[in-house]
PDB file of all heavy atoms in Angstrom:
ATOM      1  N   HIS A   1     -40.159  61.901  66.319  1.00  0.00           N
ATOM      2  CA  HIS A   1     -41.024  62.431  65.319  1.00  0.00           C
ATOM      3  C   HIS A   1     -40.211  62.875  64.090  1.00  0.00           C
ATOM      4  O   HIS A   1     -40.791  63.050  62.997  1.00  0.00           O
ATOM      5  CB  HIS A   1     -41.819  63.671  65.823  1.00  0.00           C
ATOM      6  CG  HIS A   1     -43.003  63.195  66.667  1.00  0.00           C
ATOM      7  ND1 HIS A   1     -44.164  62.858  66.029  1.00  0.00           N
ATOM      8  CD2 HIS A   1     -43.154  63.124  68.036  1.00  0.00           C
ATOM      9  CE1 HIS A   1     -45.018  62.593  67.031  1.00  0.00           C
ATOM     10  NE2 HIS A   1     -44.433  62.696  68.252  1.00  0.00           N
ATOM     11  N   GLU A   2     -38.896  63.070  64.229  1.00  0.00           N
ATOM     12  CA  GLU A   2     -38.131  63.341  63.103  1.00  0.00           C
ATOM     13  C   GLU A   2     -37.932  62.126  62.268  1.00  0.00           C
ATOM     14  O   GLU A   2     -37.654  62.201  60.978  1.00  0.00           O
ATOM     15  CB  GLU A   2     -36.710  63.795  63.472  1.00  0.00           C
ATOM     16  CG  GLU A   2     -36.639  65.234  64.062  1.00  0.00           C
ATOM     17  CD  GLU A   2     -35.241  65.744  64.371  1.00  0.00           C
ATOM     18  OE1 GLU A   2     -34.334  65.236  63.583  1.00  0.00           O
ATOM     19  OE2 GLU A   2     -35.009  66.550  65.188  1.00  0.00           O
ATOM     20  N   MET A   3     -38.009  60.954  62.820  1.00  0.00           N
ATOM     21  CA  MET A   3     -37.971  59.657  62.096  1.00  0.00           C
ATOM     22  C   MET A   3     -39.211  59.237  61.461  1.00  0.00           C
ATOM     23  O   MET A   3     -39.183  58.630  60.390  1.00  0.00           O
ATOM     24  CB  MET A   3     -37.457  58.516  63.003  1.00  0.00           C
ATOM     25  CG  MET A   3     -36.048  58.827  63.795  1.00  0.00           C
ATOM     26  SD  MET A   3     -34.720  58.985  62.563  1.00  0.00           S
ATOM     27  CE  MET A   3     -34.383  60.788  62.779  1.00  0.00           C
ATOM     28  N   GLN A   4     -40.259  59.588  62.112  1.00  0.00           N
ATOM     29  CA  GLN A   4     -41.594  59.012  61.648  1.00  0.00           C
ATOM     30  C   GLN A   4     -42.751  59.998  62.192  1.00  0.00           C
ATOM     31  O   GLN A   4     -42.724  60.325  63.355  1.00  0.00           O
ATOM     32  CB  GLN A   4     -41.912  57.648  62.246  1.00  0.00           C
ATOM     33  CG  GLN A   4     -43.011  56.937  61.657  1.00  0.00           C
ATOM     34  CD  GLN A   4     -43.082  55.560  62.300  1.00  0.00           C
ATOM     35  OE1 GLN A   4     -42.582  55.153  63.331  1.00  0.00           O
ATOM     36  NE2 GLN A   4     -43.971  54.674  61.659  1.00  0.00           N
ATOM     37  N   GLU A   5     -43.556  60.520  61.234  1.00  0.00           N
ATOM     38  CA  GLU A   5     -44.538  61.494  61.552  1.00  0.00           C
ATOM     39  C   GLU A   5     -45.367  61.049  62.706  1.00  0.00           C
ATOM     40  O   GLU A   5     -45.697  61.706  63.563  1.00  0.00           O
ATOM     41  CB  GLU A   5     -45.408  61.767  60.337  1.00  0.00           C
ATOM     42  CG  GLU A   5     -46.402  62.918  60.607  1.00  0.00           C
ATOM     43  CD  GLU A   5     -47.140  63.286  59.325  1.00  0.00           C
ATOM     44  OE1 GLU A   5     -46.881  62.651  58.260  1.00  0.00           O
ATOM     45  OE2 GLU A   5     -48.101  64.135  59.438  1.00  0.00           O
ATOM     46  N   LEU A   6     -45.841  59.768  62.630  1.00  0.00           N
ATOM     47  CA  LEU A   6     -46.656  59.086  63.729  1.00  0.00           C
ATOM     48  C   LEU A   6     -45.735  57.896  64.217  1.00  0.00           C
ATOM     49  O   LEU A   6     -45.981  56.854  63.673  1.00  0.00           O
ATOM     50  CB  LEU A   6     -47.999  58.697  63.155  1.00  0.00           C
ATOM     51  CG  LEU A   6     -48.978  59.878  62.777  1.00  0.00           C
ATOM     52  CD1 LEU A   6     -50.223  59.241  62.235  1.00  0.00           C
ATOM     53  CD2 LEU A   6     -49.275  60.763  63.961  1.00  0.00           C
ATOM     54  N   PRO A   7     -44.980  58.137  65.192  1.00  0.00           N
ATOM     55  CA  PRO A   7     -44.050  57.047  65.588  1.00  0.00           C
ATOM     56  C   PRO A   7     -44.764  55.732  66.019  1.00  0.00           C
ATOM     57  O   PRO A   7     -45.824  55.850  66.682  1.00  0.00           O
ATOM     58  CB  PRO A   7     -43.363  57.756  66.839  1.00  0.00           C
ATOM     59  CG  PRO A   7     -43.428  59.111  66.561  1.00  0.00           C
ATOM     60  CD  PRO A   7     -44.650  59.416  65.992  1.00  0.00           C
ATOM     61  N   ASP A   8     -44.243  54.705  65.707  1.00  0.00           N
ATOM     62  CA  ASP A   8     -44.810  53.336  65.990  1.00  0.00           C
ATOM     63  C   ASP A   8     -44.775  53.326  67.559  1.00  0.00           C
ATOM     64  O   ASP A   8     -43.694  53.479  68.179  1.00  0.00           O
ATOM     65  CB  ASP A   8     -43.980  52.292  65.382  1.00  0.00           C
ATOM     66  CG  ASP A   8     -44.522  50.860  65.839  1.00  0.00           C
ATOM     67  OD1 ASP A   8     -45.434  50.354  65.222  1.00  0.00           O
ATOM     68  OD2 ASP A   8     -43.919  50.354  66.842  1.00  0.00           O
ATOM     69  N   PRO A   9     -45.912  52.986  68.155  1.00  0.00           N
ATOM     70  CA  PRO A   9     -45.982  53.010  69.656  1.00  0.00           C
ATOM     71  C   PRO A   9     -44.909  52.041  70.254  1.00  0.00           C
ATOM     72  O   PRO A   9     -44.217  52.385  71.403  1.00  0.00           O
ATOM     73  CB  PRO A   9     -47.399  52.518  69.876  1.00  0.00           C
ATOM     74  CG  PRO A   9     -48.183  52.922  68.819  1.00  0.00           C
ATOM     75  CD  PRO A   9     -47.192  52.728  67.593  1.00  0.00           C
ATOM     76  N   ARG A  10     -44.764  50.924  69.781  1.00  0.00           N
ATOM     77  CA  ARG A  10     -43.791  49.863  70.358  1.00  0.00           C
ATOM     78  C   ARG A  10     -42.426  50.513  70.296  1.00  0.00           C
ATOM     79  O   ARG A  10     -41.544  50.574  71.267  1.00  0.00           O
ATOM     80  CB  ARG A  10     -43.773  48.581  69.658  1.00  0.00           C
ATOM     81  CG  ARG A  10     -42.848  47.589  70.270  1.00  0.00           C
ATOM     82  CD  ARG A  10     -42.620  46.308  69.356  1.00  0.00           C
ATOM     83  NE  ARG A  10     -41.764  45.322  69.989  1.00  0.00           N
ATOM     84  CZ  ARG A  10     -40.563  45.384  69.812  1.00  0.00           C
ATOM     85  NH1 ARG A  10     -39.897  46.476  69.144  1.00  0.00           N
ATOM     86  NH2 ARG A  10     -39.635  44.564  70.431  1.00  0.00           N
ATOM     87  N   GLU A  11     -42.037  51.053  69.162  1.00  0.00           N
ATOM     88  CA  GLU A  11     -40.673  51.560  68.984  1.00  0.00           C
ATOM     89  C   GLU A  11     -40.509  52.960  69.838  1.00  0.00           C
ATOM     90  O   GLU A  11     -39.477  53.180  70.347  1.00  0.00           O
ATOM     91  CB  GLU A  11     -40.307  51.838  67.489  1.00  0.00           C
ATOM     92  CG  GLU A  11     -40.484  50.612  66.609  1.00  0.00           C
ATOM     93  CD  GLU A  11     -39.765  49.373  67.183  1.00  0.00           C
ATOM     94  OE1 GLU A  11     -38.718  49.595  67.822  1.00  0.00           O
ATOM     95  OE2 GLU A  11     -40.262  48.282  67.039  1.00  0.00           O
ATOM     96  N   MET A  12     -41.577  53.629  69.977  1.00  0.00           N
ATOM     97  CA  MET A  12     -41.517  54.823  70.835  1.00  0.00           C
ATOM     98  C   MET A  12     -41.187  54.523  72.279  1.00  0.00           C
ATOM     99  O   MET A  12     -40.344  55.153  72.901  1.00  0.00           O
ATOM    100  CB  MET A  12     -42.963  55.627  70.683  1.00  0.00           C
ATOM    101  CG  MET A  12     -42.936  56.865  71.647  1.00  0.00           C
ATOM    102  SD  MET A  12     -41.809  58.160  71.159  1.00  0.00           S
ATOM    103  CE  MET A  12     -42.914  59.081  70.090  1.00  0.00           C
ATOM    104  N   ASP A  13     -41.742  53.367  72.690  1.00  0.00           N
ATOM    105  CA  ASP A  13     -41.506  52.933  74.033  1.00  0.00           C
ATOM    106  C   ASP A  13     -40.001  52.513  74.173  1.00  0.00           C
ATOM    107  O   ASP A  13     -39.367  52.761  75.247  1.00  0.00           O
ATOM    108  CB  ASP A  13     -42.341  51.724  74.474  1.00  0.00           C
ATOM    109  CG  ASP A  13     -43.734  52.222  74.992  1.00  0.00           C
ATOM    110  OD1 ASP A  13     -44.017  53.413  75.200  1.00  0.00           O
ATOM    111  OD2 ASP A  13     -44.604  51.256  75.173  1.00  0.00           O
ATOM    112  N   VAL A  14     -39.425  51.928  73.147  1.00  0.00           N
ATOM    113  CA  VAL A  14     -38.082  51.518  73.198  1.00  0.00           C
ATOM    114  C   VAL A  14     -37.180  52.772  73.368  1.00  0.00           C
ATOM    115  O   VAL A  14     -36.250  52.794  74.116  1.00  0.00           O
ATOM    116  CB  VAL A  14     -37.632  50.775  71.908  1.00  0.00           C
ATOM    117  CG1 VAL A  14     -36.152  50.521  71.790  1.00  0.00           C
ATOM    118  CG2 VAL A  14     -38.444  49.456  71.789  1.00  0.00           C
ATOM    119  N   VAL A  15     -37.526  53.810  72.654  1.00  0.00           N
ATOM    120  CA  VAL A  15     -36.808  55.154  72.742  1.00  0.00           C
ATOM    121  C   VAL A  15     -36.925  55.725  74.019  1.00  0.00           C
ATOM    122  O   VAL A  15     -35.958  56.100  74.727  1.00  0.00           O
ATOM    123  CB  VAL A  15     -37.188  55.994  71.528  1.00  0.00           C
ATOM    124  CG1 VAL A  15     -36.605  57.422  71.771  1.00  0.00           C
ATOM    125  CG2 VAL A  15     -36.849  55.394  70.268  1.00  0.00           C
ATOM    126  N   LEU A  16     -38.253  55.933  74.473  1.00  0.00           N
ATOM    127  CA  LEU A  16     -38.350  56.712  75.745  1.00  0.00           C
ATOM    128  C   LEU A  16     -37.928  55.974  76.985  1.00  0.00           C
ATOM    129  O   LEU A  16     -37.528  56.741  77.894  1.00  0.00           O
ATOM    130  CB  LEU A  16     -40.022  56.826  75.873  1.00  0.00           C
ATOM    131  CG  LEU A  16     -40.719  57.774  74.840  1.00  0.00           C
ATOM    132  CD1 LEU A  16     -42.226  57.829  75.135  1.00  0.00           C
ATOM    133  CD2 LEU A  16     -40.113  59.167  74.751  1.00  0.00           C
ATOM    134  N   ALA A  17     -37.844  54.731  76.950  1.00  0.00           N
ATOM    135  CA  ALA A  17     -37.334  53.992  78.145  1.00  0.00           C
ATOM    136  C   ALA A  17     -35.847  54.377  78.484  1.00  0.00           C
ATOM    137  O   ALA A  17     -35.507  54.159  79.558  1.00  0.00           O
ATOM    138  CB  ALA A  17     -37.604  52.507  77.992  1.00  0.00           C
ATOM    139  N   THR A  18     -35.222  54.794  77.439  1.00  0.00           N
ATOM    140  CA  THR A  18     -33.733  55.154  77.710  1.00  0.00           C
ATOM    141  C   THR A  18     -33.515  56.325  78.650  1.00  0.00           C
ATOM    142  O   THR A  18     -32.473  56.319  79.204  1.00  0.00           O
ATOM    143  CB  THR A  18     -33.057  55.365  76.270  1.00  0.00           C
ATOM    144  OG1 THR A  18     -33.539  56.539  75.807  1.00  0.00           O
ATOM    145  CG2 THR A  18     -33.173  54.182  75.320  1.00  0.00           C
ATOM    146  N   GLY A  19     -34.501  57.289  78.676  1.00  0.00           N
ATOM    147  CA  GLY A  19     -34.295  58.427  79.515  1.00  0.00           C
ATOM    148  C   GLY A  19     -34.080  58.043  80.950  1.00  0.00           C
ATOM    149  O   GLY A  19     -33.093  58.501  81.598  1.00  0.00           O
ATOM    150  N   GLU A  20     -34.920  57.200  81.483  1.00  0.00           N
ATOM    151  CA  GLU A  20     -34.765  56.836  82.925  1.00  0.00           C
ATOM    152  C   GLU A  20     -33.547  55.942  83.136  1.00  0.00           C
ATOM    153  O   GLU A  20     -32.955  55.952  84.216  1.00  0.00           O
ATOM    154  CB  GLU A  20     -36.032  56.120  83.369  1.00  0.00           C
ATOM    155  CG  GLU A  20     -37.162  57.043  83.701  1.00  0.00           C
ATOM    156  CD  GLU A  20     -38.420  56.329  84.300  1.00  0.00           C
ATOM    157  OE1 GLU A  20     -38.444  55.088  83.989  1.00  0.00           O
ATOM    158  OE2 GLU A  20     -39.083  56.928  85.055  1.00  0.00           O
ATOM    159  N   GLN A  21     -33.226  55.157  82.152  1.00  0.00           N
ATOM    160  CA  GLN A  21     -32.102  54.248  82.307  1.00  0.00           C
ATOM    161  C   GLN A  21     -30.821  54.953  82.534  1.00  0.00           C
ATOM    162  O   GLN A  21     -30.011  54.552  83.354  1.00  0.00           O
ATOM    163  CB  GLN A  21     -31.976  53.352  81.057  1.00  0.00           C
ATOM    164  CG  GLN A  21     -31.010  52.264  81.227  1.00  0.00           C
ATOM    165  CD  GLN A  21     -31.075  51.146  80.021  1.00  0.00           C
ATOM    166  OE1 GLN A  21     -32.140  50.987  79.402  1.00  0.00           O
ATOM    167  NE2 GLN A  21     -29.905  50.569  79.762  1.00  0.00           N
ATOM    168  N   VAL A  22     -30.665  56.156  81.857  1.00  0.00           N
ATOM    169  CA  VAL A  22     -29.500  56.946  82.156  1.00  0.00           C
ATOM    170  C   VAL A  22     -29.494  57.478  83.579  1.00  0.00           C
ATOM    171  O   VAL A  22     -28.511  57.447  84.373  1.00  0.00           O
ATOM    172  CB  VAL A  22     -29.521  58.253  81.221  1.00  0.00           C
ATOM    173  CG1 VAL A  22     -28.515  59.229  81.602  1.00  0.00           C
ATOM    174  CG2 VAL A  22     -29.281  57.838  79.828  1.00  0.00           C
ATOM    175  N   THR A  23     -30.710  57.901  84.145  1.00  0.00           N
ATOM    176  CA  THR A  23     -30.760  58.509  85.535  1.00  0.00           C
ATOM    177  C   THR A  23     -30.423  57.438  86.482  1.00  0.00           C
ATOM    178  O   THR A  23     -29.713  57.757  87.567  1.00  0.00           O
ATOM    179  CB  THR A  23     -32.220  59.107  85.712  1.00  0.00           C
ATOM    180  OG1 THR A  23     -32.570  59.874  84.637  1.00  0.00           O
ATOM    181  CG2 THR A  23     -32.157  59.894  86.966  1.00  0.00           C
ATOM    182  N   ILE A  24     -30.971  56.282  86.330  1.00  0.00           N
ATOM    183  CA  ILE A  24     -30.776  55.208  87.403  1.00  0.00           C
ATOM    184  C   ILE A  24     -29.355  54.802  87.545  1.00  0.00           C
ATOM    185  O   ILE A  24     -28.752  54.600  88.634  1.00  0.00           O
ATOM    186  CB  ILE A  24     -31.728  53.984  87.305  1.00  0.00           C
ATOM    187  CG1 ILE A  24     -31.474  53.249  85.945  1.00  0.00           C
ATOM    188  CG2 ILE A  24     -33.200  54.349  87.403  1.00  0.00           C
ATOM    189  CD1 ILE A  24     -32.178  51.980  85.720  1.00  0.00           C
ATOM    190  N   GLY A  25     -28.725  54.753  86.316  1.00  0.00           N
ATOM    191  CA  GLY A  25     -27.304  54.395  86.337  1.00  0.00           C
ATOM    192  C   GLY A  25     -26.402  55.413  86.993  1.00  0.00           C
ATOM    193  O   GLY A  25     -25.548  55.129  87.765  1.00  0.00           O
ATOM    194  N   LEU A  26     -26.680  56.650  86.570  1.00  0.00           N
ATOM    195  CA  LEU A  26     -25.909  57.847  87.129  1.00  0.00           C
ATOM    196  C   LEU A  26     -26.055  57.864  88.662  1.00  0.00           C
ATOM    197  O   LEU A  26     -25.145  58.190  89.418  1.00  0.00           O
ATOM    198  CB  LEU A  26     -26.256  59.127  86.446  1.00  0.00           C
ATOM    199  CG  LEU A  26     -25.883  59.264  84.958  1.00  0.00           C
ATOM    200  CD1 LEU A  26     -26.357  60.583  84.478  1.00  0.00           C
ATOM    201  CD2 LEU A  26     -24.438  59.226  84.798  1.00  0.00           C
ATOM    202  N   LEU A  27     -27.249  57.714  89.171  1.00  0.00           N
ATOM    203  CA  LEU A  27     -27.532  57.800  90.519  1.00  0.00           C
ATOM    204  C   LEU A  27     -26.868  56.660  91.330  1.00  0.00           C
ATOM    205  O   LEU A  27     -26.289  56.884  92.413  1.00  0.00           O
ATOM    206  CB  LEU A  27     -29.066  57.888  90.906  1.00  0.00           C
ATOM    207  CG  LEU A  27     -29.447  57.990  92.351  1.00  0.00           C
ATOM    208  CD1 LEU A  27     -28.820  59.284  92.983  1.00  0.00           C
ATOM    209  CD2 LEU A  27     -31.003  58.074  92.488  1.00  0.00           C
ATOM    210  N   ALA A  28     -26.940  55.482  90.772  1.00  0.00           N
ATOM    211  CA  ALA A  28     -26.244  54.423  91.404  1.00  0.00           C
ATOM    212  C   ALA A  28     -24.682  54.670  91.522  1.00  0.00           C
ATOM    213  O   ALA A  28     -24.030  54.472  92.586  1.00  0.00           O
ATOM    214  CB  ALA A  28     -26.390  53.120  90.573  1.00  0.00           C
ATOM    215  N   MET A  29     -24.139  55.280  90.409  1.00  0.00           N
ATOM    216  CA  MET A  29     -22.725  55.641  90.516  1.00  0.00           C
ATOM    217  C   MET A  29     -22.387  56.718  91.473  1.00  0.00           C
ATOM    218  O   MET A  29     -21.316  56.655  92.256  1.00  0.00           O
ATOM    219  CB  MET A  29     -22.308  56.189  89.069  1.00  0.00           C
ATOM    220  CG  MET A  29     -22.273  55.185  87.937  1.00  0.00           C
ATOM    221  SD  MET A  29     -21.838  55.959  86.354  1.00  0.00           S
ATOM    222  CE  MET A  29     -22.231  54.668  85.230  1.00  0.00           C
ATOM    223  N   ALA A  30     -23.244  57.709  91.571  1.00  0.00           N
ATOM    224  CA  ALA A  30     -23.098  58.782  92.525  1.00  0.00           C
ATOM    225  C   ALA A  30     -23.113  58.316  93.987  1.00  0.00           C
ATOM    226  O   ALA A  30     -22.278  58.667  94.870  1.00  0.00           O
ATOM    227  CB  ALA A  30     -24.217  59.821  92.312  1.00  0.00           C
ATOM    228  N   LEU A  31     -24.067  57.286  94.271  1.00  0.00           N
ATOM    229  CA  LEU A  31     -24.097  56.722  95.581  1.00  0.00           C
ATOM    230  C   LEU A  31     -22.855  55.864  95.894  1.00  0.00           C
ATOM    231  O   LEU A  31     -22.200  55.953  96.956  1.00  0.00           O
ATOM    232  CB  LEU A  31     -25.311  55.825  95.723  1.00  0.00           C
ATOM    233  CG  LEU A  31     -26.561  56.575  95.960  1.00  0.00           C
ATOM    234  CD1 LEU A  31     -27.843  55.772  95.561  1.00  0.00           C
ATOM    235  CD2 LEU A  31     -26.692  57.160  97.291  1.00  0.00           C
ATOM    236  N   LYS A  32     -22.418  55.000  94.942  1.00  0.00           N
ATOM    237  CA  LYS A  32     -21.234  54.304  95.106  1.00  0.00           C
ATOM    238  C   LYS A  32     -19.996  55.092  95.250  1.00  0.00           C
ATOM    239  O   LYS A  32     -19.033  54.802  96.056  1.00  0.00           O
ATOM    240  CB  LYS A  32     -20.975  53.402  93.892  1.00  0.00           C
ATOM    241  CG  LYS A  32     -22.086  52.182  93.771  1.00  0.00           C
ATOM    242  CD  LYS A  32     -21.788  51.363  92.450  1.00  0.00           C
ATOM    243  CE  LYS A  32     -22.895  50.410  92.238  1.00  0.00           C
ATOM    244  NZ  LYS A  32     -22.661  49.320  93.175  1.00  0.00           N
ATOM    245  N   ASN A  33     -19.902  56.326  94.692  1.00  0.00           N
ATOM    246  CA  ASN A  33     -18.815  57.233  94.742  1.00  0.00           C
ATOM    247  C   ASN A  33     -18.688  57.806  96.184  1.00  0.00           C
ATOM    248  O   ASN A  33     -17.610  58.212  96.626  1.00  0.00           O
ATOM    249  CB  ASN A  33     -18.986  58.401  93.840  1.00  0.00           C
ATOM    250  CG  ASN A  33     -17.665  59.213  93.720  1.00  0.00           C
ATOM    251  OD1 ASN A  33     -16.676  58.609  93.339  1.00  0.00           O
ATOM    252  ND2 ASN A  33     -17.777  60.490  93.842  1.00  0.00           N
ATOM    253  N   ILE A  34     -19.769  57.782  96.913  1.00  0.00           N
ATOM    254  CA  ILE A  34     -19.648  58.227  98.337  1.00  0.00           C
ATOM    255  C   ILE A  34     -19.762  57.118  99.389  1.00  0.00           C
ATOM    256  O   ILE A  34     -20.091  57.257 100.517  1.00  0.00           O
ATOM    257  CB  ILE A  34     -20.809  59.318  98.620  1.00  0.00           C
ATOM    258  CG1 ILE A  34     -22.223  58.806  98.290  1.00  0.00           C
ATOM    259  CG2 ILE A  34     -20.560  60.627  97.736  1.00  0.00           C
ATOM    260  CD1 ILE A  34     -23.299  59.690  98.706  1.00  0.00           C
ATOM    261  N   GLY A  35     -19.521  55.967  98.890  1.00  0.00           N
ATOM    262  CA  GLY A  35     -19.365  54.766  99.783  1.00  0.00           C
ATOM    263  C   GLY A  35     -20.647  54.075 100.084  1.00  0.00           C
ATOM    264  O   GLY A  35     -20.726  53.404 101.064  1.00  0.00           O
ATOM    265  N   VAL A  36     -21.746  54.272  99.273  1.00  0.00           N
ATOM    266  CA  VAL A  36     -23.030  53.669  99.572  1.00  0.00           C
ATOM    267  C   VAL A  36     -23.472  52.608  98.570  1.00  0.00           C
ATOM    268  O   VAL A  36     -23.410  52.875  97.338  1.00  0.00           O
ATOM    269  CB  VAL A  36     -24.098  54.728  99.783  1.00  0.00           C
ATOM    270  CG1 VAL A  36     -25.551  54.067 100.037  1.00  0.00           C
ATOM    271  CG2 VAL A  36     -23.792  55.836 100.633  1.00  0.00           C
ATOM    272  N   ASP A  37     -23.709  51.410  98.990  1.00  0.00           N
ATOM    273  CA  ASP A  37     -23.974  50.353  97.987  1.00  0.00           C
ATOM    274  C   ASP A  37     -25.318  50.624  97.360  1.00  0.00           C
ATOM    275  O   ASP A  37     -26.211  50.760  98.190  1.00  0.00           O
ATOM    276  CB  ASP A  37     -23.800  49.043  98.666  1.00  0.00           C
ATOM    277  CG  ASP A  37     -23.638  47.914  97.682  1.00  0.00           C
ATOM    278  OD1 ASP A  37     -23.451  48.127  96.498  1.00  0.00           O
ATOM    279  OD2 ASP A  37     -23.683  46.660  98.108  1.00  0.00           O
ATOM    280  N   ALA A  38     -25.390  50.547  96.080  1.00  0.00           N
ATOM    281  CA  ALA A  38     -26.681  50.780  95.461  1.00  0.00           C
ATOM    282  C   ALA A  38     -26.720  49.935  94.126  1.00  0.00           C
ATOM    283  O   ALA A  38     -25.714  49.551  93.583  1.00  0.00           O
ATOM    284  CB  ALA A  38     -26.808  52.183  95.116  1.00  0.00           C
ATOM    285  N   LYS A  39     -27.919  49.591  93.828  1.00  0.00           N
ATOM    286  CA  LYS A  39     -28.141  48.824  92.572  1.00  0.00           C
ATOM    287  C   LYS A  39     -29.347  49.323  91.754  1.00  0.00           C
ATOM    288  O   LYS A  39     -30.410  49.634  92.356  1.00  0.00           O
ATOM    289  CB  LYS A  39     -28.383  47.358  92.915  1.00  0.00           C
ATOM    290  CG  LYS A  39     -28.385  46.474  91.646  1.00  0.00           C
ATOM    291  CD  LYS A  39     -28.406  44.913  92.099  1.00  0.00           C
ATOM    292  CE  LYS A  39     -28.248  43.985  90.903  1.00  0.00           C
ATOM    293  NZ  LYS A  39     -28.215  42.519  91.282  1.00  0.00           N
ATOM    294  N   SER A  40     -29.173  49.478  90.411  1.00  0.00           N
ATOM    295  CA  SER A  40     -30.151  50.070  89.600  1.00  0.00           C
ATOM    296  C   SER A  40     -30.892  49.046  88.836  1.00  0.00           C
ATOM    297  O   SER A  40     -30.341  47.980  88.490  1.00  0.00           O
ATOM    298  CB  SER A  40     -29.572  51.108  88.649  1.00  0.00           C
ATOM    299  OG  SER A  40     -28.700  50.546  87.619  1.00  0.00           O
ATOM    300  N   TYR A  41     -32.175  49.161  88.563  1.00  0.00           N
ATOM    301  CA  TYR A  41     -33.018  48.368  87.781  1.00  0.00           C
ATOM    302  C   TYR A  41     -33.878  49.074  86.753  1.00  0.00           C
ATOM    303  O   TYR A  41     -34.544  50.097  87.083  1.00  0.00           O
ATOM    304  CB  TYR A  41     -33.947  47.519  88.656  1.00  0.00           C
ATOM    305  CG  TYR A  41     -33.209  46.455  89.511  1.00  0.00           C
ATOM    306  CD1 TYR A  41     -32.954  46.624  90.861  1.00  0.00           C
ATOM    307  CD2 TYR A  41     -32.972  45.224  89.003  1.00  0.00           C
ATOM    308  CE1 TYR A  41     -32.458  45.648  91.590  1.00  0.00           C
ATOM    309  CE2 TYR A  41     -32.384  44.229  89.718  1.00  0.00           C
ATOM    310  CZ  TYR A  41     -32.093  44.497  90.980  1.00  0.00           C
ATOM    311  OH  TYR A  41     -31.531  43.535  91.725  1.00  0.00           O
ATOM    312  N   THR A  42     -33.962  48.627  85.627  1.00  0.00           N
ATOM    313  CA  THR A  42     -34.938  49.071  84.660  1.00  0.00           C
ATOM    314  C   THR A  42     -36.260  48.383  84.985  1.00  0.00           C
ATOM    315  O   THR A  42     -36.304  47.482  85.876  1.00  0.00           O
ATOM    316  CB  THR A  42     -34.589  48.669  83.255  1.00  0.00           C
ATOM    317  OG1 THR A  42     -34.552  47.294  83.067  1.00  0.00           O
ATOM    318  CG2 THR A  42     -33.223  49.195  82.796  1.00  0.00           C
ATOM    319  N   GLY A  43     -37.304  48.865  84.467  1.00  0.00           N
ATOM    320  CA  GLY A  43     -38.633  48.346  84.784  1.00  0.00           C
ATOM    321  C   GLY A  43     -38.712  46.891  84.427  1.00  0.00           C
ATOM    322  O   GLY A  43     -39.222  46.133  85.195  1.00  0.00           O
ATOM    323  N   TRP A  44     -38.153  46.516  83.342  1.00  0.00           N
ATOM    324  CA  TRP A  44     -38.279  45.049  82.911  1.00  0.00           C
ATOM    325  C   TRP A  44     -37.435  44.245  83.851  1.00  0.00           C
ATOM    326  O   TRP A  44     -37.670  43.026  83.901  1.00  0.00           O
ATOM    327  CB  TRP A  44     -37.961  44.884  81.461  1.00  0.00           C
ATOM    328  CG  TRP A  44     -36.449  45.187  80.990  1.00  0.00           C
ATOM    329  CD1 TRP A  44     -36.051  46.364  80.597  1.00  0.00           C
ATOM    330  CD2 TRP A  44     -35.384  44.276  81.100  1.00  0.00           C
ATOM    331  NE1 TRP A  44     -34.769  46.280  80.277  1.00  0.00           N
ATOM    332  CE2 TRP A  44     -34.298  45.072  80.579  1.00  0.00           C
ATOM    333  CE3 TRP A  44     -35.296  42.982  81.414  1.00  0.00           C
ATOM    334  CZ2 TRP A  44     -32.930  44.453  80.449  1.00  0.00           C
ATOM    335  CZ3 TRP A  44     -34.025  42.389  81.290  1.00  0.00           C
ATOM    336  CH2 TRP A  44     -32.878  43.173  80.869  1.00  0.00           C
ATOM    337  N   GLN A  45     -36.334  44.683  84.326  1.00  0.00           N
ATOM    338  CA  GLN A  45     -35.514  43.896  85.199  1.00  0.00           C
ATOM    339  C   GLN A  45     -36.140  43.548  86.544  1.00  0.00           C
ATOM    340  O   GLN A  45     -35.826  42.545  87.240  1.00  0.00           O
ATOM    341  CB  GLN A  45     -34.132  44.629  85.527  1.00  0.00           C
ATOM    342  CG  GLN A  45     -33.258  44.579  84.259  1.00  0.00           C
ATOM    343  CD  GLN A  45     -31.942  45.364  84.474  1.00  0.00           C
ATOM    344  OE1 GLN A  45     -31.996  46.527  85.013  1.00  0.00           O
ATOM    345  NE2 GLN A  45     -30.719  44.831  84.107  1.00  0.00           N
TER     346      GLN A  45
END
């Protein structure tokens, strides 16, 4: 909303999707760190 008063819906999705991408990667790392094999996927993957 700082960039655009009414954010373009397509671009808003591009931005919002990054939040979960951080979480899935961090959780996969945390599991690997304790010796558990894990793999993360975004929704489109």
